[in-house]
C-alpha atoms as a PDB file:
ATOM      1  CA  MET A   1      -4.208  24.837  -0.189  1.00  0.00           C
ATOM      2  CA  GLU A   2      -4.554  28.431   0.916  1.00  0.00           C
ATOM      3  CA  LYS A   3      -7.430  27.667   3.249  1.00  0.00           C
ATOM      4  CA  GLN A   4      -5.196  24.267   4.493  1.00  0.00           C
ATOM      5  CA  THR A   5      -1.428  25.829   4.655  1.00  0.00           C
ATOM      6  CA  GLY A   6      -2.053  29.185   5.288  1.00  0.00           C
ATOM      7  CA  ASN A   7      -0.052  30.306   2.120  1.00  0.00           C
ATOM      8  CA  SER A   8      -1.320  31.566  -1.243  1.00  0.00           C
ATOM      9  CA  ILE A   9      -0.835  30.119  -4.293  1.00  0.00           C
ATOM     10  CA  LYS A  10       1.457  32.461  -6.556  1.00  0.00           C
ATOM     11  CA  ILE A  11       1.987  30.468  -9.573  1.00  0.00           C
ATOM     12  CA  LEU A  12       0.285  27.499 -11.483  1.00  0.00           C
ATOM     13  CA  SER A  13       1.958  25.340 -13.955  1.00  0.00           C
ATOM     14  CA  SER A  14       0.404  23.070 -16.233  1.00  0.00           C
ATOM     15  CA  GLY A  15       0.708  21.373 -19.402  1.00  0.00           C
ATOM     16  CA  ASN A  16      -1.838  23.393 -21.078  1.00  0.00           C
ATOM     17  CA  GLY A  17      -4.723  21.666 -19.960  1.00  0.00           C
ATOM     18  CA  VAL A  18      -8.047  22.745 -21.839  1.00  0.00           C
ATOM     19  CA  GLU A  19      -9.824  23.139 -18.074  1.00  0.00           C
ATOM     20  CA  TYR A  20      -6.848  25.713 -17.451  1.00  0.00           C
ATOM     21  CA  THR A  21      -7.475  27.821 -20.666  1.00  0.00           C
ATOM     22  CA  THR A  22     -11.350  28.933 -20.298  1.00  0.00           C
ATOM     23  CA  LYS A  23     -12.159  32.680 -19.855  1.00  0.00           C
ATOM     24  CA  ALA A  24     -13.700  32.024 -16.487  1.00  0.00           C
ATOM     25  CA  PHE A  25     -10.971  30.452 -14.916  1.00  0.00           C
ATOM     26  CA  THR A  26      -8.137  32.841 -16.662  1.00  0.00           C
ATOM     27  CA  ALA A  27     -10.305  35.569 -15.082  1.00  0.00           C
ATOM     28  CA  TYR A  28     -10.426  34.025 -11.760  1.00  0.00           C
ATOM     29  CA  LEU A  29      -6.436  33.784 -12.122  1.00  0.00           C
ATOM     30  CA  GLN A  30      -5.982  37.299 -13.014  1.00  0.00           C
ATOM     31  CA  LYS A  31      -8.222  38.620 -10.076  1.00  0.00           C
ATOM     32  CA  GLU A  32      -6.420  36.325  -7.362  1.00  0.00           C
ATOM     33  CA  GLY A  33      -3.002  37.353  -8.828  1.00  0.00           C
ATOM     34  CA  ILE A  34      -2.018  33.952  -9.678  1.00  0.00           C
ATOM     35  CA  ARG A  35       0.492  33.878 -12.397  1.00  0.00           C
ATOM     36  CA  TYR A  36      -0.062  31.055 -14.726  1.00  0.00           C
ATOM     37  CA  GLN A  37       2.832  28.682 -16.622  1.00  0.00           C
ATOM     38  CA  VAL A  38       2.109  26.435 -19.432  1.00  0.00           C
ATOM     39  CA  THR A  39       4.963  23.776 -19.124  1.00  0.00           C
ATOM     40  CA  VAL A  40       6.019  21.167 -21.872  1.00  0.00           C
ATOM     41  CA  PRO A  41       3.301  19.014 -22.729  1.00  0.00           C
ATOM     42  CA  ASP A  42       3.545  14.988 -21.735  1.00  0.00           C
ATOM     43  CA  THR A  43       5.979  15.922 -18.912  1.00  0.00           C
ATOM     44  CA  PRO A  44       3.788  15.691 -15.851  1.00  0.00           C
ATOM     45  CA  GLU A  45       7.165  15.811 -13.763  1.00  0.00           C
ATOM     46  CA  LYS A  46       7.745  19.083 -14.488  1.00  0.00           C
ATOM     47  CA  ASN A  47       4.155  20.186 -13.073  1.00  0.00           C
ATOM     48  CA  GLY A  48       5.450  19.808  -9.631  1.00  0.00           C
ATOM     49  CA  THR A  49       4.593  17.242  -6.644  1.00  0.00           C
ATOM     50  CA  VAL A  50       0.771  17.075  -7.785  1.00  0.00           C
ATOM     51  CA  LYS A  51       1.486  14.743 -11.100  1.00  0.00           C
ATOM     52  CA  ARG A  52       3.991  12.796  -8.990  1.00  0.00           C
ATOM     53  CA  PRO A  53       1.611  10.384  -7.259  1.00  0.00           C
ATOM     54  CA  HIS A  54      -0.143   9.706 -10.715  1.00  0.00           C
ATOM     55  CA  ILE A  55       3.390   8.998 -11.950  1.00  0.00           C
ATOM     56  CA  ILE A  56       3.755   6.226  -9.683  1.00  0.00           C
ATOM     57  CA  GLN A  57       0.167   4.839 -10.327  1.00  0.00           C
ATOM     58  CA  GLU A  58       0.588   4.617 -14.117  1.00  0.00           C
ATOM     59  CA  LYS A  59       4.028   3.104 -13.363  1.00  0.00           C
ATOM     60  CA  THR A  60       2.453   0.610 -10.884  1.00  0.00           C
ATOM     61  CA  ARG A  61      -0.588  -0.248 -13.603  1.00  0.00           C
ATOM     62  CA  ILE A  62       1.574  -1.026 -16.322  1.00  0.00           C
ATOM     63  CA  MET A  63       3.671  -3.393 -14.032  1.00  0.00           C
ATOM     64  CA  MET A  64       1.059  -5.023 -12.558  1.00  0.00           C
ATOM     65  CA  GLN A  65      -0.630  -5.603 -16.335  1.00  0.00           C
ATOM     66  CA  GLU A  66       3.031  -6.705 -18.018  1.00  0.00           C
ATOM     67  CA  ALA A  67       3.239  -9.573 -15.394  1.00  0.00           C
ATOM     68  CA  LYS A  68      -0.123 -10.551 -15.199  1.00  0.00           C
ATOM     69  CA  PHE A  69      -0.041 -10.019 -11.438  1.00  0.00           C
ATOM     70  CA  ARG A  70      -3.286 -10.062  -9.530  1.00  0.00           C
ATOM     71  CA  VAL A  71      -4.907  -7.224  -7.346  1.00  0.00           C
ATOM     72  CA  ILE A  72      -3.213  -8.391  -4.093  1.00  0.00           C
ATOM     73  CA  TYR A  73       0.662  -7.544  -5.451  1.00  0.00           C
ATOM     74  CA  TRP A  74      -0.961  -4.243  -5.815  1.00  0.00           C
ATOM     75  CA  ALA A  75       0.824  -2.586  -2.601  1.00  0.00           C
ATOM     76  CA  GLU A  76       4.407  -4.116  -3.682  1.00  0.00           C
ATOM     77  CA  ALA A  77       3.791  -3.216  -7.102  1.00  0.00           C
ATOM     78  CA  VAL A  78       3.416   0.499  -5.678  1.00  0.00           C
ATOM     79  CA  ASN A  79       6.717   0.146  -3.279  1.00  0.00           C
ATOM     80  CA  THR A  80       8.616  -0.928  -6.061  1.00  0.00           C
ATOM     81  CA  ALA A  81       7.294   2.054  -8.449  1.00  0.00           C
ATOM     82  CA  ALA A  82       8.211   4.241  -5.998  1.00  0.00           C
ATOM     83  CA  TYR A  83      11.691   2.616  -5.466  1.00  0.00           C
ATOM     84  CA  LEU A  84      12.107   2.864  -9.213  1.00  0.00           C
ATOM     85  CA  LYS A  85      11.172   6.274  -9.853  1.00  0.00           C
ATOM     86  CA  ASN A  86      13.361   7.737  -6.772  1.00  0.00           C
ATOM     87  CA  LEU A  87      16.291   5.512  -8.531  1.00  0.00           C
ATOM     88  CA  SER A  88      15.389   7.874 -11.870  1.00  0.00           C
ATOM     89  CA  PRO A  89      17.415  11.206 -12.352  1.00  0.00           C
END
């Protein structure tokens, strides 16, 4: 992110995944001056924009399975999932 935007990362938020709790990663965060915040587990919406596409994808997959739609309707299901997400508080 820093290389693409010229901005530095100041805070990293996650649901306390094991990939973020290793000694090596913790040391890296400290060296770079990045603060690590733990969010409530199983609430990806609190992790910011990184998780939002995953939420849309998950909603789409569930809609497709429940409705037994064929893959050709994937794009329409993604649009519907995004629309429903945007309607939600």
